[in-house]
Each structure stands twice: as C-alpha cells, then as structure tokens.
Amino acid sequence: AYFVIQGLDGNLLVPLLFSEVVNLHPVAIIVAILFFGGLWGFWGVFFAIPLATLVNAVIQAWPRRRTAEAAA
C-alpha cells in the first residue's frame, strides 16, 4: 500500500499541484522531469520544474513575427 501511495503522490499529485503554482500543464511537468532527468540524472530531476518554467517564460517573452495580414 505504501508504494502505491508513493507512486500516486509522485506521478499524479505533485504535477497537479505544481502545475497551478508555476502555470504549466501537468503533462509538461512530467515530460520535463523525464527529459531533464534522462539528460542530467538526479540533478535534472531536481531542477526540471524550474528549468521548464524558465523555458516557458522565454518562449512566452520571445517576440512573435507579424504575419502579412497583421502588418498591413
């Protein structure tokens, strides 16, 4: 029972709670943990959510190109 509760907590509850705090979709948090964990191991898992938040902030702040209709 302990392992089931731990599994649900780590894989379901934590992404749902962090998604509201950092304004990221829970699936994006899970993908970030898997990606950065695979890339940098323990430290990647440890820094996955802050790095995903940073990447999201950079993408949101990046200037968008104007389309031909918007420029006219």
N, C-alpha and C. Protein backbone atom coordinates (compact mmCIF):
# COMPACT_ATOMS: atom_id res chain seq x y z
N ALA A 1 0.83 -1.20 0.00
CA ALA A 1 0.00 0.00 0.00
C ALA A 1 0.87 1.26 0.00
N TYR A 2 1.99 1.20 0.71
CA TYR A 2 2.88 2.36 0.79
C TYR A 2 3.42 2.74 -0.59
N PHE A 3 3.82 1.74 -1.37
CA PHE A 3 4.39 2.01 -2.69
C PHE A 3 3.33 2.55 -3.66
N VAL A 4 2.10 2.10 -3.51
CA VAL A 4 1.02 2.61 -4.35
C VAL A 4 0.76 4.07 -4.03
N ILE A 5 0.72 4.41 -2.74
CA ILE A 5 0.51 5.79 -2.32
C ILE A 5 1.67 6.67 -2.78
N GLN A 6 2.88 6.20 -2.63
CA GLN A 6 4.05 6.96 -3.09
C GLN A 6 4.03 7.15 -4.60
N GLY A 7 3.65 6.13 -5.32
CA GLY A 7 3.56 6.23 -6.78
C GLY A 7 2.52 7.23 -7.22
N LEU A 8 1.35 7.20 -6.59
CA LEU A 8 0.31 8.17 -6.91
C LEU A 8 0.73 9.58 -6.54
N ASP A 9 1.39 9.71 -5.40
CA ASP A 9 1.84 11.03 -4.96
C ASP A 9 2.86 11.60 -5.94
N GLY A 10 3.85 10.84 -6.28
CA GLY A 10 4.92 11.34 -7.14
C GLY A 10 4.53 11.53 -8.59
N ASN A 11 3.65 10.68 -9.08
CA ASN A 11 3.32 10.72 -10.51
C ASN A 11 2.03 11.45 -10.84
N LEU A 12 1.18 11.70 -9.86
CA LEU A 12 -0.10 12.33 -10.14
C LEU A 12 -0.30 13.60 -9.34
N LEU A 13 -0.11 13.51 -8.04
CA LEU A 13 -0.41 14.64 -7.16
C LEU A 13 0.59 15.78 -7.31
N VAL A 14 1.87 15.48 -7.35
CA VAL A 14 2.89 16.53 -7.45
C VAL A 14 2.76 17.33 -8.75
N PRO A 15 2.64 16.69 -9.92
CA PRO A 15 2.46 17.50 -11.14
C PRO A 15 1.19 18.35 -11.11
N LEU A 16 0.11 17.83 -10.54
CA LEU A 16 -1.12 18.62 -10.47
C LEU A 16 -0.95 19.84 -9.57
N LEU A 17 -0.29 19.66 -8.43
CA LEU A 17 -0.09 20.79 -7.52
C LEU A 17 0.89 21.81 -8.09
N PHE A 18 1.98 21.34 -8.65
CA PHE A 18 2.98 22.26 -9.21
C PHE A 18 2.46 22.98 -10.45
N SER A 19 1.55 22.35 -11.18
CA SER A 19 1.04 22.99 -12.40
C SER A 19 0.31 24.29 -12.08
N GLU A 20 -0.38 24.35 -10.95
CA GLU A 20 -1.07 25.57 -10.56
C GLU A 20 -0.09 26.63 -10.10
N VAL A 21 0.98 26.23 -9.45
CA VAL A 21 1.95 27.19 -8.91
C VAL A 21 2.79 27.81 -10.01
N VAL A 22 3.30 27.00 -10.93
CA VAL A 22 4.21 27.51 -11.96
C VAL A 22 3.53 27.77 -13.29
N ASN A 23 2.22 27.57 -13.34
CA ASN A 23 1.42 27.86 -14.54
C ASN A 23 1.88 27.04 -15.75
N LEU A 24 2.12 25.76 -15.52
CA LEU A 24 2.45 24.81 -16.58
C LEU A 24 1.45 23.66 -16.54
N HIS A 25 1.19 23.06 -17.68
CA HIS A 25 0.30 21.91 -17.75
C HIS A 25 0.96 20.72 -17.04
N PRO A 26 0.21 19.90 -16.31
CA PRO A 26 0.81 18.75 -15.62
C PRO A 26 1.59 17.82 -16.55
N VAL A 27 1.13 17.64 -17.77
CA VAL A 27 1.85 16.78 -18.72
C VAL A 27 3.20 17.41 -19.07
N ALA A 28 3.25 18.73 -19.18
CA ALA A 28 4.52 19.41 -19.45
C ALA A 28 5.50 19.20 -18.30
N ILE A 29 5.01 19.17 -17.07
CA ILE A 29 5.88 18.93 -15.92
C ILE A 29 6.42 17.51 -15.96
N ILE A 30 5.56 16.54 -16.26
CA ILE A 30 6.01 15.15 -16.33
C ILE A 30 7.03 14.98 -17.45
N VAL A 31 6.77 15.58 -18.61
CA VAL A 31 7.72 15.49 -19.73
C VAL A 31 9.04 16.16 -19.36
N ALA A 32 8.99 17.30 -18.67
CA ALA A 32 10.21 17.99 -18.26
C ALA A 32 11.02 17.13 -17.30
N ILE A 33 10.35 16.49 -16.35
CA ILE A 33 11.06 15.63 -15.40
C ILE A 33 11.71 14.46 -16.13
N LEU A 34 10.99 13.85 -17.05
CA LEU A 34 11.56 12.74 -17.81
C LEU A 34 12.71 13.19 -18.70
N PHE A 35 12.54 14.33 -19.37
CA PHE A 35 13.57 14.83 -20.29
C PHE A 35 14.83 15.24 -19.53
N PHE A 36 14.69 16.14 -18.55
CA PHE A 36 15.87 16.62 -17.84
C PHE A 36 16.47 15.53 -16.95
N GLY A 37 15.64 14.63 -16.43
CA GLY A 37 16.16 13.50 -15.66
C GLY A 37 16.97 12.57 -16.53
N GLY A 38 16.51 12.33 -17.74
CA GLY A 38 17.27 11.49 -18.67
C GLY A 38 18.54 12.16 -19.14
N LEU A 39 18.51 13.48 -19.21
CA LEU A 39 19.66 14.23 -19.68
C LEU A 39 20.73 14.37 -18.60
N TRP A 40 20.31 14.74 -17.36
CA TRP A 40 21.27 15.04 -16.29
C TRP A 40 21.08 14.23 -15.02
N GLY A 41 20.29 13.17 -15.07
CA GLY A 41 20.13 12.30 -13.91
C GLY A 41 19.44 12.97 -12.74
N PHE A 42 19.99 12.76 -11.54
CA PHE A 42 19.38 13.30 -10.32
C PHE A 42 19.22 14.80 -10.38
N TRP A 43 20.26 15.51 -10.83
CA TRP A 43 20.19 16.97 -10.87
C TRP A 43 19.17 17.44 -11.91
N GLY A 44 18.99 16.69 -12.95
CA GLY A 44 17.97 17.03 -13.93
C GLY A 44 16.57 16.91 -13.36
N VAL A 45 16.34 15.86 -12.56
CA VAL A 45 15.04 15.71 -11.90
C VAL A 45 14.85 16.82 -10.88
N PHE A 46 15.90 17.15 -10.16
CA PHE A 46 15.83 18.18 -9.12
C PHE A 46 15.51 19.55 -9.71
N PHE A 47 16.10 19.87 -10.85
CA PHE A 47 15.91 21.19 -11.46
C PHE A 47 14.92 21.19 -12.63
N ALA A 48 14.19 20.11 -12.85
CA ALA A 48 13.30 20.00 -14.01
C ALA A 48 12.20 21.05 -14.01
N ILE A 49 11.52 21.25 -12.90
CA ILE A 49 10.40 22.20 -12.87
C ILE A 49 10.89 23.63 -13.01
N PRO A 50 11.96 24.06 -12.30
CA PRO A 50 12.45 25.42 -12.55
C PRO A 50 12.94 25.62 -13.99
N LEU A 51 13.59 24.62 -14.57
CA LEU A 51 14.05 24.75 -15.95
C LEU A 51 12.88 24.80 -16.93
N ALA A 52 11.85 24.01 -16.68
CA ALA A 52 10.67 24.05 -17.55
C ALA A 52 9.97 25.39 -17.44
N THR A 53 9.93 25.95 -16.24
CA THR A 53 9.34 27.28 -16.05
C THR A 53 10.15 28.33 -16.78
N LEU A 54 11.47 28.22 -16.72
CA LEU A 54 12.34 29.16 -17.43
C LEU A 54 12.14 29.06 -18.94
N VAL A 55 12.09 27.84 -19.46
CA VAL A 55 11.88 27.65 -20.90
C VAL A 55 10.52 28.23 -21.31
N ASN A 56 9.50 27.99 -20.49
CA ASN A 56 8.18 28.53 -20.79
C ASN A 56 8.19 30.06 -20.78
N ALA A 57 8.87 30.67 -19.82
CA ALA A 57 8.95 32.13 -19.75
C ALA A 57 9.68 32.71 -20.96
N VAL A 58 10.75 32.05 -21.40
CA VAL A 58 11.49 32.52 -22.57
C VAL A 58 10.61 32.42 -23.82
N ILE A 59 9.89 31.32 -23.95
CA ILE A 59 9.01 31.15 -25.11
C ILE A 59 7.91 32.20 -25.11
N GLN A 60 7.33 32.48 -23.94
CA GLN A 60 6.26 33.47 -23.86
C GLN A 60 6.77 34.88 -24.12
N ALA A 61 8.01 35.18 -23.74
CA ALA A 61 8.57 36.52 -23.91
C ALA A 61 9.20 36.73 -25.28
N TRP A 62 9.43 35.65 -26.03
CA TRP A 62 10.07 35.76 -27.33
C TRP A 62 9.17 36.55 -28.28
N PRO A 63 9.74 37.53 -28.99
CA PRO A 63 8.91 38.31 -29.92
C PRO A 63 8.37 37.45 -31.05
N ARG A 64 7.13 37.64 -31.35
CA ARG A 64 6.48 36.89 -32.43
C ARG A 64 6.60 37.65 -33.74
N ARG A 65 6.73 36.91 -34.82
CA ARG A 65 6.76 37.54 -36.14
C ARG A 65 5.35 37.95 -36.53
N ARG A 66 5.27 39.07 -37.16
CA ARG A 66 3.97 39.51 -37.65
C ARG A 66 3.66 38.81 -38.96
N THR A 67 2.42 38.48 -39.13
CA THR A 67 2.01 37.89 -40.41
C THR A 67 1.72 39.02 -41.39
N ALA A 68 1.56 38.68 -42.63
CA ALA A 68 1.32 39.69 -43.67
C ALA A 68 0.01 40.44 -43.42
N GLU A 69 -1.01 39.74 -42.90
CA GLU A 69 -2.28 40.40 -42.65
C GLU A 69 -2.18 41.38 -41.48
N ALA A 70 -1.45 41.03 -40.45
CA ALA A 70 -1.34 41.89 -39.28
C ALA A 70 -0.49 43.12 -39.58
N ALA A 71 0.49 43.00 -40.46
CA ALA A 71 1.36 44.13 -40.78
C ALA A 71 0.66 45.13 -41.69
N ALA A 72 -0.29 44.70 -42.47
CA ALA A 72 -0.97 45.58 -43.44
C ALA A 72 -2.06 46.41 -42.83
